[in-house]
Amino acid sequence: MSESTRTHPAEDRDTKEARLQHPSGFLALTRHESVPIIVDALLDLPPGREFNKTELADHAGVTRQTVGNHVDLLLDLELIEEVPDTSPRRYQVAESEVIRELLEFNSALNVARDGI
């Protein structure tokens, strides 16, 4: 690394803090410890499977409150969608580009892991 591109530890901390305050999509998804676990559980569900917060929590191995804390993020990132006219509220894995890309990424990671 050249001297002109080398950063100082304080600059590294500032950059890290800036990233945490304004995360990209990937960091927004993974910055909460339980969200990757929930997403992994979503990727394991069959297409069209409906669930409520308790069912998703049980499937993911987290608490209902944990799922409830992250439902808005999952909705905003188009990972899940609400099933209309359900009470209590039910959800399903979204039919979105984000889910298609995550499934492809997850598949590629599984292939790479199996090759290790």
C-alpha atoms as a PDB file:
ATOM      1  CA  MET A   1       0.000   0.000   0.000  1.00  0.00           C
ATOM      2  CA  SER A   2       1.423   3.372  -0.926  1.00  0.00           C
ATOM      3  CA  GLU A   3       1.818   6.121   1.622  1.00  0.00           C
ATOM      4  CA  SER A   4      -0.848   8.200  -0.135  1.00  0.00           C
ATOM      5  CA  THR A   5      -3.493   5.446   0.267  1.00  0.00           C
ATOM      6  CA  ARG A   6      -2.571   4.405   3.802  1.00  0.00           C
ATOM      7  CA  THR A   7      -5.071   5.476   6.467  1.00  0.00           C
ATOM      8  CA  HIS A   8      -4.564   6.177  10.127  1.00  0.00           C
ATOM      9  CA  PRO A   9      -6.381   4.226  12.845  1.00  0.00           C
ATOM     10  CA  ALA A  10      -8.542   7.266  13.693  1.00  0.00           C
ATOM     11  CA  GLU A  11      -9.605   7.560  10.059  1.00  0.00           C
ATOM     12  CA  ASP A  12     -10.458   3.846  10.019  1.00  0.00           C
ATOM     13  CA  ARG A  13     -12.693   4.318  13.088  1.00  0.00           C
ATOM     14  CA  ASP A  14     -14.391   7.322  11.473  1.00  0.00           C
ATOM     15  CA  THR A  15     -15.041   5.298   8.321  1.00  0.00           C
ATOM     16  CA  LYS A  16     -16.426   2.390  10.340  1.00  0.00           C
ATOM     17  CA  GLU A  17     -18.727   4.694  12.301  1.00  0.00           C
ATOM     18  CA  ALA A  18     -19.925   6.346   9.085  1.00  0.00           C
ATOM     19  CA  ARG A  19     -20.686   2.916   7.609  1.00  0.00           C
ATOM     20  CA  LEU A  20     -22.606   1.892  10.725  1.00  0.00           C
ATOM     21  CA  GLN A  21     -24.617   5.117  10.744  1.00  0.00           C
ATOM     22  CA  HIS A  22     -25.414   4.905   7.008  1.00  0.00           C
ATOM     23  CA  PRO A  23     -25.231   1.223   6.114  1.00  0.00           C
ATOM     24  CA  SER A  24     -25.447  -0.136   2.596  1.00  0.00           C
ATOM     25  CA  GLY A  25     -28.069  -2.777   1.842  1.00  0.00           C
ATOM     26  CA  PHE A  26     -25.835  -5.657   2.884  1.00  0.00           C
ATOM     27  CA  LEU A  27     -24.779  -4.067   6.154  1.00  0.00           C
ATOM     28  CA  ALA A  28     -28.362  -2.977   6.862  1.00  0.00           C
ATOM     29  CA  LEU A  29     -29.347  -6.609   6.498  1.00  0.00           C
ATOM     30  CA  THR A  30     -26.536  -8.114   8.577  1.00  0.00           C
ATOM     31  CA  ARG A  31     -25.812  -5.502  11.228  1.00  0.00           C
ATOM     32  CA  HIS A  32     -28.343  -6.945  13.661  1.00  0.00           C
ATOM     33  CA  GLU A  33     -27.230 -10.308  15.027  1.00  0.00           C
ATOM     34  CA  SER A  34     -30.600 -12.020  14.584  1.00  0.00           C
ATOM     35  CA  VAL A  35     -31.487 -10.759  11.100  1.00  0.00           C
ATOM     36  CA  PRO A  36     -29.146 -13.121   9.206  1.00  0.00           C
ATOM     37  CA  ILE A  37     -30.637 -16.018  11.198  1.00  0.00           C
ATOM     38  CA  ILE A  38     -34.158 -14.910  10.276  1.00  0.00           C
ATOM     39  CA  VAL A  39     -33.183 -14.452   6.614  1.00  0.00           C
ATOM     40  CA  ASP A  40     -31.597 -17.910   6.561  1.00  0.00           C
ATOM     41  CA  ALA A  41     -34.876 -19.322   7.889  1.00  0.00           C
ATOM     42  CA  LEU A  42     -36.841 -17.416   5.220  1.00  0.00           C
ATOM     43  CA  LEU A  43     -34.641 -18.872   2.479  1.00  0.00           C
ATOM     44  CA  ASP A  44     -35.457 -22.327   3.851  1.00  0.00           C
ATOM     45  CA  LEU A  45     -39.243 -21.908   3.515  1.00  0.00           C
ATOM     46  CA  PRO A  46     -41.153 -23.334   0.556  1.00  0.00           C
ATOM     47  CA  PRO A  47     -42.500 -20.725  -1.906  1.00  0.00           C
ATOM     48  CA  GLY A  48     -45.891 -19.340  -0.947  1.00  0.00           C
ATOM     49  CA  ARG A  49     -45.726 -20.588   2.640  1.00  0.00           C
ATOM     50  CA  GLU A  50     -47.589 -18.211   4.925  1.00  0.00           C
ATOM     51  CA  PHE A  51     -46.493 -17.581   8.493  1.00  0.00           C
ATOM     52  CA  ASN A  52     -47.087 -15.271  11.417  1.00  0.00           C
ATOM     53  CA  LYS A  53     -44.389 -13.790  13.634  1.00  0.00           C
ATOM     54  CA  THR A  54     -44.527 -16.685  16.093  1.00  0.00           C
ATOM     55  CA  GLU A  55     -44.208 -19.308  13.358  1.00  0.00           C
ATOM     56  CA  LEU A  56     -41.252 -17.488  11.790  1.00  0.00           C
ATOM     57  CA  ALA A  57     -39.622 -17.104  15.208  1.00  0.00           C
ATOM     58  CA  ASP A  58     -40.023 -20.827  15.889  1.00  0.00           C
ATOM     59  CA  HIS A  59     -38.622 -21.728  12.453  1.00  0.00           C
ATOM     60  CA  ALA A  60     -35.640 -19.382  12.928  1.00  0.00           C
ATOM     61  CA  GLY A  61     -34.994 -20.311  16.557  1.00  0.00           C
ATOM     62  CA  VAL A  62     -35.403 -16.750  17.843  1.00  0.00           C
ATOM     63  CA  THR A  63     -38.062 -15.076  19.966  1.00  0.00           C
ATOM     64  CA  ARG A  64     -41.286 -13.630  18.612  1.00  0.00           C
ATOM     65  CA  GLN A  65     -40.150 -10.254  19.935  1.00  0.00           C
ATOM     66  CA  THR A  66     -36.943 -10.524  17.881  1.00  0.00           C
ATOM     67  CA  VAL A  67     -38.960 -11.162  14.727  1.00  0.00           C
ATOM     68  CA  GLY A  68     -41.299  -8.310  15.676  1.00  0.00           C
ATOM     69  CA  ASN A  69     -38.335  -5.969  16.094  1.00  0.00           C
ATOM     70  CA  HIS A  70     -37.208  -6.674  12.527  1.00  0.00           C
ATOM     71  CA  VAL A  71     -40.455  -7.122  10.581  1.00  0.00           C
ATOM     72  CA  ASP A  72     -40.391  -3.541   9.273  1.00  0.00           C
ATOM     73  CA  LEU A  73     -36.821  -4.005   8.006  1.00  0.00           C
ATOM     74  CA  LEU A  74     -37.760  -7.300   6.327  1.00  0.00           C
ATOM     75  CA  LEU A  75     -40.747  -5.603   4.701  1.00  0.00           C
ATOM     76  CA  ASP A  76     -38.745  -2.528   3.638  1.00  0.00           C
ATOM     77  CA  LEU A  77     -36.036  -4.694   2.058  1.00  0.00           C
ATOM     78  CA  GLU A  78     -38.725  -6.724   0.236  1.00  0.00           C
ATOM     79  CA  LEU A  79     -37.743  -9.970   1.913  1.00  0.00           C
ATOM     80  CA  ILE A  80     -41.270 -10.600   3.158  1.00  0.00           C
ATOM     81  CA  GLU A  81     -44.663  -9.255   2.216  1.00  0.00           C
ATOM     82  CA  GLU A  82     -47.920  -9.072   4.109  1.00  0.00           C
ATOM     83  CA  VAL A  83     -50.670 -11.466   3.143  1.00  0.00           C
ATOM     84  CA  PRO A  84     -53.736  -9.265   2.607  1.00  0.00           C
ATOM     85  CA  ASP A  85     -56.804  -9.533   4.823  1.00  0.00           C
ATOM     86  CA  THR A  86     -55.281 -11.720   7.535  1.00  0.00           C
ATOM     87  CA  SER A  87     -55.749 -11.332  11.256  1.00  0.00           C
ATOM     88  CA  PRO A  88     -53.501 -11.852  13.047  1.00  0.00           C
ATOM     89  CA  ARG A  89     -51.200 -10.522  10.366  1.00  0.00           C
ATOM     90  CA  ARG A  90     -49.601 -13.195   8.197  1.00  0.00           C
ATOM     91  CA  TYR A  91     -46.599 -12.884   5.918  1.00  0.00           C
ATOM     92  CA  GLN A  92     -44.876 -14.805   3.169  1.00  0.00           C
ATOM     93  CA  VAL A  93     -41.512 -14.659   1.476  1.00  0.00           C
ATOM     94  CA  ALA A  94     -41.750 -11.842  -1.036  1.00  0.00           C
ATOM     95  CA  GLU A  95     -41.669 -12.446  -4.747  1.00  0.00           C
ATOM     96  CA  SER A  96     -38.987  -9.829  -5.274  1.00  0.00           C
ATOM     97  CA  GLU A  97     -35.703  -9.308  -7.040  1.00  0.00           C
ATOM     98  CA  VAL A  98     -34.034  -9.139  -3.635  1.00  0.00           C
ATOM     99  CA  ILE A  99     -35.231 -12.643  -2.741  1.00  0.00           C
ATOM    100  CA  ARG A 100     -34.249 -14.028  -6.145  1.00  0.00           C
ATOM    101  CA  GLU A 101     -30.755 -12.573  -5.761  1.00  0.00           C
ATOM    102  CA  LEU A 102     -30.439 -13.813  -2.167  1.00  0.00           C
ATOM    103  CA  LEU A 103     -31.449 -17.320  -3.199  1.00  0.00           C
ATOM    104  CA  GLU A 104     -28.851 -17.260  -5.971  1.00  0.00           C
ATOM    105  CA  PHE A 105     -26.189 -15.887  -3.608  1.00  0.00           C
ATOM    106  CA  ASN A 106     -27.071 -18.470  -0.955  1.00  0.00           C
ATOM    107  CA  SER A 107     -26.829 -21.250  -3.527  1.00  0.00           C
ATOM    108  CA  ALA A 108     -23.407 -20.017  -4.695  1.00  0.00           C
ATOM    109  CA  LEU A 109     -22.177 -19.874  -1.098  1.00  0.00           C
ATOM    110  CA  ASN A 110     -23.379 -23.432  -0.483  1.00  0.00           C
ATOM    111  CA  VAL A 111     -21.536 -24.666  -3.572  1.00  0.00           C
ATOM    112  CA  ALA A 112     -18.359 -22.831  -2.517  1.00  0.00           C
ATOM    113  CA  ARG A 113     -18.632 -24.171   1.047  1.00  0.00           C
ATOM    114  CA  ASP A 114     -19.101 -27.725  -0.192  1.00  0.00           C
ATOM    115  CA  GLY A 115     -15.926 -27.339  -2.271  1.00  0.00           C
ATOM    116  CA  ILE A 116     -13.788 -26.467   0.755  1.00  0.00           C
END
